[in-house]
């Protein structure tokens, strides 16, 4: 899981999802999992 300022899909299977104000990338490839840094 990478935590980044901006998340981008890295392959065609990556999906960008918003959960409780946190932007995430979910993908069958675990190396492509990302989460966007939210303001606290």
PDB file of N, CA and C in Angstrom:
ATOM      1  N   UNK A   1       0.854  -1.186   0.000  1.00  0.00           N
ATOM      2  CA  UNK A   1       0.000   0.000   0.000  1.00  0.00           C
ATOM      3  C   UNK A   1       0.892   1.240   0.000  1.00  0.00           C
ATOM      4  N   UNK A   2       0.769   2.048  -1.039  1.00  0.00           N
ATOM      5  CA  UNK A   2       1.514   3.302  -1.094  1.00  0.00           C
ATOM      6  C   UNK A   2       0.589   4.426  -0.642  1.00  0.00           C
ATOM      7  N   UNK A   3       1.130   5.363   0.137  1.00  0.00           N
ATOM      8  CA  UNK A   3       0.382   6.556   0.543  1.00  0.00           C
ATOM      9  C   UNK A   3       0.993   7.725  -0.205  1.00  0.00           C
ATOM     10  N   UNK A   4       0.193   8.360  -1.054  1.00  0.00           N
ATOM     11  CA  UNK A   4       0.708   9.400  -1.942  1.00  0.00           C
ATOM     12  C   UNK A   4      -0.185  10.628  -1.925  1.00  0.00           C
ATOM     13  N   UNK A   5       0.377  11.719  -2.412  1.00  0.00           N
ATOM     14  CA  UNK A   5      -0.399  12.943  -2.529  1.00  0.00           C
ATOM     15  C   UNK A   5      -1.388  12.883  -3.676  1.00  0.00           C
ATOM     16  N   UNK A   6      -1.029  12.172  -4.746  1.00  0.00           N
ATOM     17  CA  UNK A   6      -1.964  12.006  -5.851  1.00  0.00           C
ATOM     18  C   UNK A   6      -1.889  10.552  -6.311  1.00  0.00           C
ATOM     19  N   UNK A   7      -3.055   9.918  -6.421  1.00  0.00           N
ATOM     20  CA  UNK A   7      -3.104   8.515  -6.818  1.00  0.00           C
ATOM     21  C   UNK A   7      -3.577   8.426  -8.257  1.00  0.00           C
ATOM     22  N   UNK A   8      -2.967   7.523  -9.016  1.00  0.00           N
ATOM     23  CA  UNK A   8      -3.344   7.317 -10.411  1.00  0.00           C
ATOM     24  C   UNK A   8      -3.426   5.826 -10.671  1.00  0.00           C
ATOM     25  N   UNK A   9      -4.381   5.409 -11.525  1.00  0.00           N
ATOM     26  CA  UNK A   9      -4.407   4.002 -11.906  1.00  0.00           C
ATOM     27  C   UNK A   9      -3.147   3.634 -12.686  1.00  0.00           C
ATOM     28  N   UNK A  10      -2.528   2.523 -12.327  1.00  0.00           N
ATOM     29  CA  UNK A  10      -1.278   2.133 -12.972  1.00  0.00           C
ATOM     30  C   UNK A  10      -1.480   1.082 -14.046  1.00  0.00           C
ATOM     31  N   UNK A  11      -2.664   0.486 -14.117  1.00  0.00           N
ATOM     32  CA  UNK A  11      -2.960  -0.493 -15.162  1.00  0.00           C
ATOM     33  C   UNK A  11      -4.449  -0.404 -15.478  1.00  0.00           C
ATOM     34  N   UNK A  12      -4.904  -1.174 -16.455  1.00  0.00           N
ATOM     35  CA  UNK A  12      -6.318  -1.071 -16.844  1.00  0.00           C
ATOM     36  C   UNK A  12      -7.250  -1.726 -15.837  1.00  0.00           C
ATOM     37  N   UNK A  13      -6.710  -2.513 -14.901  1.00  0.00           N
ATOM     38  CA  UNK A  13      -7.564  -3.157 -13.895  1.00  0.00           C
ATOM     39  C   UNK A  13      -7.705  -2.323 -12.624  1.00  0.00           C
ATOM     40  N   UNK A  14      -6.910  -1.260 -12.499  1.00  0.00           N
ATOM     41  CA  UNK A  14      -6.979  -0.417 -11.306  1.00  0.00           C
ATOM     42  C   UNK A  14      -8.290   0.364 -11.282  1.00  0.00           C
ATOM     43  N   UNK A  15      -8.909   0.439 -10.093  1.00  0.00           N
ATOM     44  CA  UNK A  15     -10.144   1.207  -9.919  1.00  0.00           C
ATOM     45  C   UNK A  15      -9.911   2.260  -8.839  1.00  0.00           C
ATOM     46  N   UNK A  16     -10.309   3.502  -9.127  1.00  0.00           N
ATOM     47  CA  UNK A  16     -10.191   4.577  -8.150  1.00  0.00           C
ATOM     48  C   UNK A  16     -11.514   4.664  -7.391  1.00  0.00           C
ATOM     49  N   UNK A  17     -11.435   4.564  -6.050  1.00  0.00           N
ATOM     50  CA  UNK A  17     -12.628   4.489  -5.210  1.00  0.00           C
ATOM     51  C   UNK A  17     -12.496   5.517  -4.092  1.00  0.00           C
ATOM     52  N   UNK A  18     -13.608   6.193  -3.769  1.00  0.00           N
ATOM     53  CA  UNK A  18     -13.628   7.098  -2.607  1.00  0.00           C
ATOM     54  C   UNK A  18     -14.337   6.390  -1.471  1.00  0.00           C
ATOM     55  N   UNK A  19     -13.663   6.270  -0.320  1.00  0.00           N
ATOM     56  CA  UNK A  19     -14.284   5.689   0.875  1.00  0.00           C
ATOM     57  C   UNK A  19     -14.063   6.641   2.032  1.00  0.00           C
ATOM     58  N   UNK A  20     -15.177   7.200   2.563  1.00  0.00           N
ATOM     59  CA  UNK A  20     -15.127   8.126   3.705  1.00  0.00           C
ATOM     60  C   UNK A  20     -14.138   9.256   3.463  1.00  0.00           C
ATOM     61  N   UNK A  21     -14.148   9.792   2.246  1.00  0.00           N
ATOM     62  CA  UNK A  21     -13.288  10.932   1.931  1.00  0.00           C
ATOM     63  C   UNK A  21     -11.849  10.566   1.622  1.00  0.00           C
ATOM     64  N   UNK A  22     -11.500   9.276   1.667  1.00  0.00           N
ATOM     65  CA  UNK A  22     -10.141   8.844   1.319  1.00  0.00           C
ATOM     66  C   UNK A  22     -10.190   8.232  -0.069  1.00  0.00           C
ATOM     67  N   UNK A  23      -9.331   8.705  -0.966  1.00  0.00           N
ATOM     68  CA  UNK A  23      -9.280   8.173  -2.324  1.00  0.00           C
ATOM     69  C   UNK A  23      -8.333   6.977  -2.322  1.00  0.00           C
ATOM     70  N   UNK A  24      -8.805   5.856  -2.850  1.00  0.00           N
ATOM     71  CA  UNK A  24      -8.008   4.637  -2.879  1.00  0.00           C
ATOM     72  C   UNK A  24      -7.960   4.093  -4.292  1.00  0.00           C
ATOM     73  N   UNK A  25      -6.902   3.346  -4.598  1.00  0.00           N
ATOM     74  CA  UNK A  25      -6.842   2.565  -5.840  1.00  0.00           C
ATOM     75  C   UNK A  25      -6.852   1.110  -5.417  1.00  0.00           C
ATOM     76  N   UNK A  26      -7.852   0.356  -5.936  1.00  0.00           N
ATOM     77  CA  UNK A  26      -7.897  -1.075  -5.662  1.00  0.00           C
ATOM     78  C   UNK A  26      -7.622  -1.808  -6.962  1.00  0.00           C
ATOM     79  N   UNK A  27      -6.858  -2.887  -6.858  1.00  0.00           N
ATOM     80  CA  UNK A  27      -6.405  -3.599  -8.047  1.00  0.00           C
ATOM     81  C   UNK A  27      -6.109  -5.042  -7.654  1.00  0.00           C
ATOM     82  N   UNK A  28      -6.301  -5.998  -8.574  1.00  0.00           N
ATOM     83  CA  UNK A  28      -5.906  -7.385  -8.278  1.00  0.00           C
ATOM     84  C   UNK A  28      -4.408  -7.504  -7.995  1.00  0.00           C
ATOM     85  N   UNK A  29      -3.595  -6.612  -8.586  1.00  0.00           N
ATOM     86  CA  UNK A  29      -2.160  -6.617  -8.333  1.00  0.00           C
ATOM     87  C   UNK A  29      -1.901  -5.854  -7.031  1.00  0.00           C
ATOM     88  N   UNK A  30      -1.436  -6.538  -5.954  1.00  0.00           N
ATOM     89  CA  UNK A  30      -1.279  -5.836  -4.669  1.00  0.00           C
ATOM     90  C   UNK A  30      -0.244  -4.721  -4.708  1.00  0.00           C
ATOM     91  N   UNK A  31       0.671  -4.739  -5.670  1.00  0.00           N
ATOM     92  CA  UNK A  31       1.659  -3.659  -5.761  1.00  0.00           C
ATOM     93  C   UNK A  31       1.032  -2.353  -6.219  1.00  0.00           C
ATOM     94  N   UNK A  32      -0.169  -2.408  -6.791  1.00  0.00           N
ATOM     95  CA  UNK A  32      -0.824  -1.201  -7.300  1.00  0.00           C
ATOM     96  C   UNK A  32      -1.766  -0.570  -6.274  1.00  0.00           C
ATOM     97  N   UNK A  33      -1.890  -1.156  -5.068  1.00  0.00           N
ATOM     98  CA  UNK A  33      -2.772  -0.573  -4.060  1.00  0.00           C
ATOM     99  C   UNK A  33      -2.200   0.757  -3.597  1.00  0.00           C
ATOM    100  N   UNK A  34      -3.055   1.805  -3.580  1.00  0.00           N
ATOM    101  CA  UNK A  34      -2.614   3.126  -3.168  1.00  0.00           C
ATOM    102  C   UNK A  34      -3.700   3.781  -2.334  1.00  0.00           C
ATOM    103  N   UNK A  35      -3.265   4.735  -1.496  1.00  0.00           N
ATOM    104  CA  UNK A  35      -4.196   5.532  -0.712  1.00  0.00           C
ATOM    105  C   UNK A  35      -3.715   6.968  -0.773  1.00  0.00           C
ATOM    106  N   UNK A  36      -4.686   7.904  -0.863  1.00  0.00           N
ATOM    107  CA  UNK A  36      -4.289   9.306  -0.925  1.00  0.00           C
ATOM    108  C   UNK A  36      -4.236   9.896   0.467  1.00  0.00           C
ATOM    109  N   UNK A  37      -3.189  10.708   0.694  1.00  0.00           N
ATOM    110  CA  UNK A  37      -3.055  11.377   1.994  1.00  0.00           C
ATOM    111  C   UNK A  37      -4.190  12.358   2.161  1.00  0.00           C
ATOM    112  N   UNK A  38      -4.933  12.237   3.257  1.00  0.00           N
ATOM    113  CA  UNK A  38      -6.016  13.174   3.541  1.00  0.00           C
ATOM    114  C   UNK A  38      -5.577  14.204   4.560  1.00  0.00           C
ATOM    115  N   UNK A  39      -6.234  15.348   4.556  1.00  0.00           N
ATOM    116  CA  UNK A  39      -5.937  16.378   5.553  1.00  0.00           C
ATOM    117  C   UNK A  39      -6.564  15.972   6.867  1.00  0.00           C
ATOM    118  N   UNK A  40      -5.830  16.096   7.949  1.00  0.00           N
ATOM    119  CA  UNK A  40      -6.356  15.748   9.267  1.00  0.00           C
ATOM    120  C   UNK A  40      -6.914  16.999   9.923  1.00  0.00           C
TER     121      UNK A  40
END
